[in-house]
């Protein structure tokens, strides 16, 4: 079974009782939803359960922990900590309603965090943002029952509206340049044929330079991204200490 299939299967185990648990897919106390612990992620990253539900945190790859932030659980809630494990699973029963945020001890600094909402959201976790990484909002978790890791609509994935190709990015700028440039002073303005050709050659030169710069820049970023992925994989396998990981990560970012 591939890792992708395994993740899908475990997610179905954790959320597959939608029909019997209600339209939101909330896990009841009679069910045991599963949270997979993989390479630097919890899946689902957000889970809604009823009080009295036992949640199983199961290793899929690497060595991880499921450890509650003691200051981000309900006042009467019970902290939990699996310790760092590399196989098997860990179970915890959530009795007290509220919001529980948790993290992986070895990978906390790179944002391996998750959230469980028991019954209704509440407690210290709702008062301020989680200090490491990102988790879906509690309202989203309650509405959907389980939010898979990497779901772009959950708030834990990358935001497309900040990209260069948005309405305020490169696409709009180049369109305006063409409209106000060659169209206004060349053919549309009745300039000479020589002026038209000169403007066209100048535009092609600028475009060629831009393509070359983007190609070189893209190659450099691709190399850095690949090296960063290898670094994270080695760290997840325990081949690097925290100090070595932080030092090499800083070198790649510089």
C-alpha atoms as a PDB file:
ATOM      1  CA  UNK A   1       0.000   0.000   0.000  1.00  0.00           C
ATOM      2  CA  UNK A   2       1.485   3.354  -1.000  1.00  0.00           C
ATOM      3  CA  UNK A   3       1.761   6.208   1.510  1.00  0.00           C
ATOM      4  CA  UNK A   4      -0.968   8.113  -0.350  1.00  0.00           C
ATOM      5  CA  UNK A   5      -3.330   5.131  -0.166  1.00  0.00           C
ATOM      6  CA  UNK A   6      -2.437   4.584   3.470  1.00  0.00           C
ATOM      7  CA  UNK A   7      -3.268   8.190   4.331  1.00  0.00           C
ATOM      8  CA  UNK A   8      -6.584   7.940   2.518  1.00  0.00           C
ATOM      9  CA  UNK A   9      -7.425   4.681   4.268  1.00  0.00           C
ATOM     10  CA  UNK A  10      -6.603   6.014   7.736  1.00  0.00           C
ATOM     11  CA  UNK A  11      -8.559   9.202   7.108  1.00  0.00           C
ATOM     12  CA  UNK A  12     -11.561   7.092   6.151  1.00  0.00           C
ATOM     13  CA  UNK A  13     -11.170   5.132   9.388  1.00  0.00           C
ATOM     14  CA  UNK A  14     -11.202   8.368  11.351  1.00  0.00           C
ATOM     15  CA  UNK A  15     -14.097  10.036   9.552  1.00  0.00           C
ATOM     16  CA  UNK A  16     -15.952   7.253   7.768  1.00  0.00           C
ATOM     17  CA  UNK A  17     -18.901   7.197  10.153  1.00  0.00           C
ATOM     18  CA  UNK A  18     -20.427  10.352   8.698  1.00  0.00           C
ATOM     19  CA  UNK A  19     -23.766   8.697   8.053  1.00  0.00           C
ATOM     20  CA  UNK A  20     -24.123   7.370  11.607  1.00  0.00           C
ATOM     21  CA  UNK A  21     -22.539  10.359  13.347  1.00  0.00           C
ATOM     22  CA  UNK A  22     -24.492  13.141  11.660  1.00  0.00           C
ATOM     23  CA  UNK A  23     -24.057  15.353   8.628  1.00  0.00           C
ATOM     24  CA  UNK A  24     -20.897  16.976  10.016  1.00  0.00           C
ATOM     25  CA  UNK A  25     -19.058  13.649  10.350  1.00  0.00           C
ATOM     26  CA  UNK A  26     -18.281  14.285  14.047  1.00  0.00           C
ATOM     27  CA  UNK A  27     -16.828  11.212  15.767  1.00  0.00           C
ATOM     28  CA  UNK A  28     -18.947   9.864  18.625  1.00  0.00           C
ATOM     29  CA  UNK A  29     -17.700   8.302  21.852  1.00  0.00           C
ATOM     30  CA  UNK A  30     -18.334   4.826  20.405  1.00  0.00           C
ATOM     31  CA  UNK A  31     -15.896   5.410  17.549  1.00  0.00           C
ATOM     32  CA  UNK A  32     -12.088   5.630  17.559  1.00  0.00           C
ATOM     33  CA  UNK A  33     -10.949   8.135  14.941  1.00  0.00           C
ATOM     34  CA  UNK A  34      -7.347   7.901  13.764  1.00  0.00           C
ATOM     35  CA  UNK A  35      -4.868  10.770  13.363  1.00  0.00           C
ATOM     36  CA  UNK A  36      -1.911   9.748  11.214  1.00  0.00           C
ATOM     37  CA  UNK A  37       1.568  10.972  12.152  1.00  0.00           C
ATOM     38  CA  UNK A  38       3.655  11.139   8.963  1.00  0.00           C
ATOM     39  CA  UNK A  39       6.639  13.105   7.681  1.00  0.00           C
ATOM     40  CA  UNK A  40       6.097  16.394   9.521  1.00  0.00           C
ATOM     41  CA  UNK A  41       2.289  16.330   9.506  1.00  0.00           C
ATOM     42  CA  UNK A  42      -0.783  15.199  11.439  1.00  0.00           C
ATOM     43  CA  UNK A  43      -3.642  13.981   9.236  1.00  0.00           C
ATOM     44  CA  UNK A  44      -6.344  15.065   9.753  1.00  0.00           C
ATOM     45  CA  UNK A  45      -4.854  18.289  11.092  1.00  0.00           C
ATOM     46  CA  UNK A  46      -8.234  19.259  12.554  1.00  0.00           C
ATOM     47  CA  UNK A  47     -10.682  16.817  14.188  1.00  0.00           C
ATOM     48  CA  UNK A  48     -14.083  17.281  15.878  1.00  0.00           C
ATOM     49  CA  UNK A  49     -15.217  14.664  18.407  1.00  0.00           C
ATOM     50  CA  UNK A  50     -17.810  14.310  21.122  1.00  0.00           C
ATOM     51  CA  UNK A  51     -16.804  14.181  24.816  1.00  0.00           C
ATOM     52  CA  UNK A  52     -15.689  10.700  25.836  1.00  0.00           C
ATOM     53  CA  UNK A  53     -14.177   9.882  22.425  1.00  0.00           C
ATOM     54  CA  UNK A  54     -10.840   8.069  22.302  1.00  0.00           C
ATOM     55  CA  UNK A  55      -8.539   9.275  19.510  1.00  0.00           C
ATOM     56  CA  UNK A  56      -5.723   7.084  18.193  1.00  0.00           C
ATOM     57  CA  UNK A  57      -2.510   8.802  17.026  1.00  0.00           C
ATOM     58  CA  UNK A  58      -0.793   6.320  14.706  1.00  0.00           C
ATOM     59  CA  UNK A  59       2.720   6.378  13.245  1.00  0.00           C
ATOM     60  CA  UNK A  60       2.820   6.301   9.428  1.00  0.00           C
ATOM     61  CA  UNK A  61       6.453   7.317   8.918  1.00  0.00           C
ATOM     62  CA  UNK A  62       9.355   8.666  10.969  1.00  0.00           C
ATOM     63  CA  UNK A  63       9.475   9.271  14.722  1.00  0.00           C
ATOM     64  CA  UNK A  64       6.933  11.649  16.244  1.00  0.00           C
ATOM     65  CA  UNK A  65       4.932  12.547  19.327  1.00  0.00           C
ATOM     66  CA  UNK A  66       1.416  13.807  20.018  1.00  0.00           C
ATOM     67  CA  UNK A  67       1.928  16.270  22.856  1.00  0.00           C
ATOM     68  CA  UNK A  68      -0.646  18.750  24.148  1.00  0.00           C
ATOM     69  CA  UNK A  69       0.267  22.383  24.761  1.00  0.00           C
ATOM     70  CA  UNK A  70      -0.483  22.602  28.477  1.00  0.00           C
ATOM     71  CA  UNK A  71      -1.561  26.241  28.095  1.00  0.00           C
ATOM     72  CA  UNK A  72      -3.780  25.554  25.047  1.00  0.00           C
ATOM     73  CA  UNK A  73      -6.271  23.025  26.427  1.00  0.00           C
ATOM     74  CA  UNK A  74      -9.439  23.563  28.502  1.00  0.00           C
ATOM     75  CA  UNK A  75      -8.879  24.470  32.172  1.00  0.00           C
ATOM     76  CA  UNK A  76     -10.274  21.125  33.360  1.00  0.00           C
ATOM     77  CA  UNK A  77      -8.860  19.168  30.421  1.00  0.00           C
ATOM     78  CA  UNK A  78      -6.243  16.443  30.791  1.00  0.00           C
ATOM     79  CA  UNK A  79      -2.869  17.049  29.077  1.00  0.00           C
ATOM     80  CA  UNK A  80      -1.580  14.201  26.934  1.00  0.00           C
ATOM     81  CA  UNK A  81       1.875  13.229  25.717  1.00  0.00           C
ATOM     82  CA  UNK A  82       2.764  10.096  23.786  1.00  0.00           C
ATOM     83  CA  UNK A  83       6.497  10.738  24.003  1.00  0.00           C
ATOM     84  CA  UNK A  84       8.490  10.298  20.785  1.00  0.00           C
ATOM     85  CA  UNK A  85       7.614   6.969  19.155  1.00  0.00           C
ATOM     86  CA  UNK A  86       8.682   5.460  15.837  1.00  0.00           C
ATOM     87  CA  UNK A  87       6.083   2.686  15.524  1.00  0.00           C
ATOM     88  CA  UNK A  88       2.672   1.698  16.781  1.00  0.00           C
ATOM     89  CA  UNK A  89       0.183   4.186  18.147  1.00  0.00           C
ATOM     90  CA  UNK A  90      -0.942   6.214  21.156  1.00  0.00           C
ATOM     91  CA  UNK A  91      -4.497   6.736  22.392  1.00  0.00           C
ATOM     92  CA  UNK A  92      -6.083   9.474  24.477  1.00  0.00           C
ATOM     93  CA  UNK A  93      -9.676   9.886  25.628  1.00  0.00           C
ATOM     94  CA  UNK A  94     -11.026  13.446  25.474  1.00  0.00           C
ATOM     95  CA  UNK A  95     -13.529  13.937  28.296  1.00  0.00           C
ATOM     96  CA  UNK A  96     -13.697  17.712  28.798  1.00  0.00           C
ATOM     97  CA  UNK A  97     -15.303  19.870  26.073  1.00  0.00           C
ATOM     98  CA  UNK A  98     -13.175  22.578  24.457  1.00  0.00           C
ATOM     99  CA  UNK A  99     -10.270  23.128  22.082  1.00  0.00           C
ATOM    100  CA  UNK A 100      -7.038  21.122  22.345  1.00  0.00           C
ATOM    101  CA  UNK A 101      -3.913  22.128  20.418  1.00  0.00           C
ATOM    102  CA  UNK A 102      -0.977  19.731  20.246  1.00  0.00           C
ATOM    103  CA  UNK A 103       2.402  19.319  18.558  1.00  0.00           C
ATOM    104  CA  UNK A 104       5.193  16.869  17.702  1.00  0.00           C
ATOM    105  CA  UNK A 105       8.214  17.253  19.997  1.00  0.00           C
ATOM    106  CA  UNK A 106      10.931  16.647  17.319  1.00  0.00           C
ATOM    107  CA  UNK A 107       9.162  18.726  14.663  1.00  0.00           C
ATOM    108  CA  UNK A 108       7.434  21.487  16.616  1.00  0.00           C
ATOM    109  CA  UNK A 109       9.796  24.145  15.257  1.00  0.00           C
ATOM    110  CA  UNK A 110       8.875  23.341  11.653  1.00  0.00           C
ATOM    111  CA  UNK A 111       5.141  23.539  12.283  1.00  0.00           C
ATOM    112  CA  UNK A 112       3.978  19.964  12.949  1.00  0.00           C
ATOM    113  CA  UNK A 113       0.855  20.826  14.944  1.00  0.00           C
ATOM    114  CA  UNK A 114      -2.800  19.781  15.134  1.00  0.00           C
ATOM    115  CA  UNK A 115      -6.114  20.627  16.783  1.00  0.00           C
ATOM    116  CA  UNK A 116      -8.941  18.588  18.317  1.00  0.00           C
ATOM    117  CA  UNK A 117     -12.255  20.255  19.168  1.00  0.00           C
ATOM    118  CA  UNK A 118     -14.285  18.325  21.740  1.00  0.00           C
ATOM    119  CA  UNK A 119     -17.964  19.261  21.632  1.00  0.00           C
ATOM    120  CA  UNK A 120     -17.889  23.047  21.332  1.00  0.00           C
ATOM    121  CA  UNK A 121     -14.769  25.249  20.915  1.00  0.00           C
ATOM    122  CA  UNK A 122     -13.490  26.922  24.059  1.00  0.00           C
ATOM    123  CA  UNK A 123     -10.549  27.498  26.367  1.00  0.00           C
ATOM    124  CA  UNK A 124      -7.159  29.243  26.076  1.00  0.00           C
ATOM    125  CA  UNK A 125      -6.516  27.960  22.532  1.00  0.00           C
ATOM    126  CA  UNK A 126      -9.312  30.209  21.279  1.00  0.00           C
ATOM    127  CA  UNK A 127      -7.794  33.344  22.798  1.00  0.00           C
ATOM    128  CA  UNK A 128      -4.633  33.632  20.682  1.00  0.00           C
ATOM    129  CA  UNK A 129      -3.035  32.009  17.590  1.00  0.00           C
ATOM    130  CA  UNK A 130      -1.082  28.789  17.898  1.00  0.00           C
ATOM    131  CA  UNK A 131       2.638  29.647  18.331  1.00  0.00           C
ATOM    132  CA  UNK A 132       4.014  27.036  15.915  1.00  0.00           C
ATOM    133  CA  UNK A 133       2.684  26.440  12.401  1.00  0.00           C
ATOM    134  CA  UNK A 134      -1.004  26.770  11.491  1.00  0.00           C
ATOM    135  CA  UNK A 135      -4.220  24.909  12.257  1.00  0.00           C
ATOM    136  CA  UNK A 136      -7.736  25.276  10.802  1.00  0.00           C
ATOM    137  CA  UNK A 137     -10.193  27.471  12.690  1.00  0.00           C
ATOM    138  CA  UNK A 138     -12.332  25.664  15.237  1.00  0.00           C
ATOM    139  CA  UNK A 139     -15.513  26.711  13.420  1.00  0.00           C
ATOM    140  CA  UNK A 140     -14.221  25.035  10.238  1.00  0.00           C
ATOM    141  CA  UNK A 141     -13.344  21.870  12.169  1.00  0.00           C
ATOM    142  CA  UNK A 142     -16.779  21.699  13.811  1.00  0.00           C
ATOM    143  CA  UNK A 143     -18.517  22.318  10.490  1.00  0.00           C
ATOM    144  CA  UNK A 144     -16.564  19.664   8.580  1.00  0.00           C
ATOM    145  CA  UNK A 145     -15.866  17.084  11.285  1.00  0.00           C
ATOM    146  CA  UNK A 146     -12.332  16.395  10.022  1.00  0.00           C
ATOM    147  CA  UNK A 147      -9.999  18.649   8.019  1.00  0.00           C
ATOM    148  CA  UNK A 148      -7.281  16.758   6.079  1.00  0.00           C
ATOM    149  CA  UNK A 149      -3.695  17.992   6.185  1.00  0.00           C
ATOM    150  CA  UNK A 150      -2.873  20.238   3.237  1.00  0.00           C
ATOM    151  CA  UNK A 151      -6.504  21.159   2.530  1.00  0.00           C
ATOM    152  CA  UNK A 152      -6.178  24.621   0.912  1.00  0.00           C
ATOM    153  CA  UNK A 153      -9.610  25.687   2.184  1.00  0.00           C
ATOM    154  CA  UNK A 154      -8.727  24.983   5.820  1.00  0.00           C
ATOM    155  CA  UNK A 155      -6.302  27.833   6.369  1.00  0.00           C
ATOM    156  CA  UNK A 156      -3.167  25.645   6.813  1.00  0.00           C
ATOM    157  CA  UNK A 157      -2.112  25.664   3.152  1.00  0.00           C
ATOM    158  CA  UNK A 158      -0.529  28.330   0.938  1.00  0.00           C
ATOM    159  CA  UNK A 159      -2.593  31.409  -0.008  1.00  0.00           C
ATOM    160  CA  UNK A 160      -3.018  31.830  -3.753  1.00  0.00           C
ATOM    161  CA  UNK A 161      -4.215  35.448  -3.498  1.00  0.00           C
ATOM    162  CA  UNK A 162      -0.732  36.603  -2.505  1.00  0.00           C
ATOM    163  CA  UNK A 163       0.917  35.208  -5.635  1.00  0.00           C
ATOM    164  CA  UNK A 164       2.497  37.252  -8.419  1.00  0.00           C
ATOM    165  CA  UNK A 165      -0.119  36.201 -10.956  1.00  0.00           C
ATOM    166  CA  UNK A 166      -2.989  37.748  -8.985  1.00  0.00           C
ATOM    167  CA  UNK A 167      -4.926  40.841  -9.940  1.00  0.00           C
ATOM    168  CA  UNK A 168      -2.219  43.115  -8.611  1.00  0.00           C
ATOM    169  CA  UNK A 169       0.739  41.095  -9.837  1.00  0.00           C
ATOM    170  CA  UNK A 170       2.687  40.589 -13.040  1.00  0.00           C
ATOM    171  CA  UNK A 171      -0.300  39.741 -15.259  1.00  0.00           C
ATOM    172  CA  UNK A 172      -2.110  43.061 -14.734  1.00  0.00           C
ATOM    173  CA  UNK A 173       1.048  45.147 -14.973  1.00  0.00           C
ATOM    174  CA  UNK A 174       2.167  43.727 -18.319  1.00  0.00           C
ATOM    175  CA  UNK A 175      -1.310  44.153 -19.793  1.00  0.00           C
ATOM    176  CA  UNK A 176      -1.349  47.843 -18.922  1.00  0.00           C
ATOM    177  CA  UNK A 177       2.164  48.312 -20.316  1.00  0.00           C
ATOM    178  CA  UNK A 178       1.156  46.898 -23.682  1.00  0.00           C
ATOM    179  CA  UNK A 179      -1.977  49.050 -23.853  1.00  0.00           C
ATOM    180  CA  UNK A 180      -0.203  52.281 -23.003  1.00  0.00           C
ATOM    181  CA  UNK A 181       3.056  51.540 -24.770  1.00  0.00           C
ATOM    182  CA  UNK A 182       3.257  50.190 -28.290  1.00  0.00           C
ATOM    183  CA  UNK A 183      -0.451  50.633 -29.004  1.00  0.00           C
ATOM    184  CA  UNK A 184      -0.441  54.336 -28.082  1.00  0.00           C
ATOM    185  CA  UNK A 185       2.791  55.498 -29.664  1.00  0.00           C
ATOM    186  CA  UNK A 186       3.191  53.010 -32.511  1.00  0.00           C
ATOM    187  CA  UNK A 187       0.458  51.892 -34.868  1.00  0.00           C
ATOM    188  CA  UNK A 188      -2.379  53.586 -32.966  1.00  0.00           C
ATOM    189  CA  UNK A 189      -0.518  56.951 -32.854  1.00  0.00           C
ATOM    190  CA  UNK A 190       0.373  56.981 -36.543  1.00  0.00           C
ATOM    191  CA  UNK A 191       4.180  56.826 -36.045  1.00  0.00           C
ATOM    192  CA  UNK A 192       6.606  55.919 -38.798  1.00  0.00           C
ATOM    193  CA  UNK A 193       7.246  52.335 -39.854  1.00  0.00           C
ATOM    194  CA  UNK A 194      10.787  52.616 -38.535  1.00  0.00           C
ATOM    195  CA  UNK A 195       9.485  53.650 -35.147  1.00  0.00           C
ATOM    196  CA  UNK A 196       7.168  50.656 -35.067  1.00  0.00           C
ATOM    197  CA  UNK A 197       9.974  48.205 -35.851  1.00  0.00           C
ATOM    198  CA  UNK A 198      12.282  49.877 -33.350  1.00  0.00           C
ATOM    199  CA  UNK A 199       9.678  49.637 -30.610  1.00  0.00           C
ATOM    200  CA  UNK A 200       8.973  46.010 -31.474  1.00  0.00           C
ATOM    201  CA  UNK A 201      12.647  45.056 -31.325  1.00  0.00           C
ATOM    202  CA  UNK A 202      13.036  46.838 -28.003  1.00  0.00           C
ATOM    203  CA  UNK A 203      10.023  44.994 -26.579  1.00  0.00           C
ATOM    204  CA  UNK A 204      11.358  41.640 -27.774  1.00  0.00           C
ATOM    205  CA  UNK A 205      14.725  42.382 -26.177  1.00  0.00           C
ATOM    206  CA  UNK A 206      13.113  43.169 -22.831  1.00  0.00           C
ATOM    207  CA  UNK A 207      10.921  40.070 -23.048  1.00  0.00           C
ATOM    208  CA  UNK A 208      13.908  37.853 -23.863  1.00  0.00           C
ATOM    209  CA  UNK A 209      15.865  39.252 -20.944  1.00  0.00           C
ATOM    210  CA  UNK A 210      12.926  38.675 -18.597  1.00  0.00           C
ATOM    211  CA  UNK A 211      12.557  35.053 -19.748  1.00  0.00           C
ATOM    212  CA  UNK A 212      16.279  34.416 -19.193  1.00  0.00           C
ATOM    213  CA  UNK A 213      16.168  35.959 -15.716  1.00  0.00           C
ATOM    214  CA  UNK A 214      13.092  33.958 -14.718  1.00  0.00           C
ATOM    215  CA  UNK A 215      14.670  30.729 -16.036  1.00  0.00           C
ATOM    216  CA  UNK A 216      17.866  31.263 -14.050  1.00  0.00           C
ATOM    217  CA  UNK A 217      15.981  32.323 -10.947  1.00  0.00           C
ATOM    218  CA  UNK A 218      13.611  29.354 -11.216  1.00  0.00           C
ATOM    219  CA  UNK A 219      16.547  26.952 -11.505  1.00  0.00           C
ATOM    220  CA  UNK A 220      18.176  28.363  -8.389  1.00  0.00           C
ATOM    221  CA  UNK A 221      14.940  28.211  -6.404  1.00  0.00           C
ATOM    222  CA  UNK A 222      14.299  24.647  -7.584  1.00  0.00           C
ATOM    223  CA  UNK A 223      17.753  23.572  -6.385  1.00  0.00           C
ATOM    224  CA  UNK A 224      17.222  25.233  -2.993  1.00  0.00           C
ATOM    225  CA  UNK A 225      13.758  23.687  -2.598  1.00  0.00           C
ATOM    226  CA  UNK A 226      15.119  20.224  -3.434  1.00  0.00           C
ATOM    227  CA  UNK A 227      17.946  20.591  -0.908  1.00  0.00           C
ATOM    228  CA  UNK A 228      15.458  21.781   1.726  1.00  0.00           C
ATOM    229  CA  UNK A 229      13.240  18.709   1.121  1.00  0.00           C
ATOM    230  CA  UNK A 230      16.206  16.373   1.543  1.00  0.00           C
ATOM    231  CA  UNK A 231      17.170  18.201   4.751  1.00  0.00           C
ATOM    232  CA  UNK A 232      13.657  17.782   6.190  1.00  0.00           C
ATOM    233  CA  UNK A 233      13.584  14.084   5.245  1.00  0.00           C
ATOM    234  CA  UNK A 234      16.949  13.410   6.933  1.00  0.00           C
ATOM    235  CA  UNK A 235      15.783  15.272  10.030  1.00  0.00           C
ATOM    236  CA  UNK A 236      12.514  13.304  10.129  1.00  0.00           C
ATOM    237  CA  UNK A 237      14.493  10.039   9.971  1.00  0.00           C
ATOM    238  CA  UNK A 238      16.577  11.162  12.941  1.00  0.00           C
ATOM    239  CA  UNK A 239      19.827  11.443  10.965  1.00  0.00           C
ATOM    240  CA  UNK A 240      20.386  15.044  12.085  1.00  0.00           C
ATOM    241  CA  UNK A 241      20.299  16.614  15.523  1.00  0.00           C
ATOM    242  CA  UNK A 242      18.270  19.738  16.192  1.00  0.00           C
ATOM    243  CA  UNK A 243      21.437  21.863  16.082  1.00  0.00           C
ATOM    244  CA  UNK A 244      22.595  20.386  12.771  1.00  0.00           C
ATOM    245  CA  UNK A 245      19.128  20.803  11.255  1.00  0.00           C
ATOM    246  CA  UNK A 246      18.818  24.449  12.340  1.00  0.00           C
ATOM    247  CA  UNK A 247      22.330  25.306  11.097  1.00  0.00           C
ATOM    248  CA  UNK A 248      21.875  23.696   7.654  1.00  0.00           C
ATOM    249  CA  UNK A 249      18.382  25.146   7.272  1.00  0.00           C
ATOM    250  CA  UNK A 250      19.755  28.628   7.976  1.00  0.00           C
ATOM    251  CA  UNK A 251      22.504  28.125   5.397  1.00  0.00           C
ATOM    252  CA  UNK A 252      19.968  27.158   2.716  1.00  0.00           C
ATOM    253  CA  UNK A 253      17.684  30.099   3.550  1.00  0.00           C
ATOM    254  CA  UNK A 254      20.625  32.541   3.328  1.00  0.00           C
END
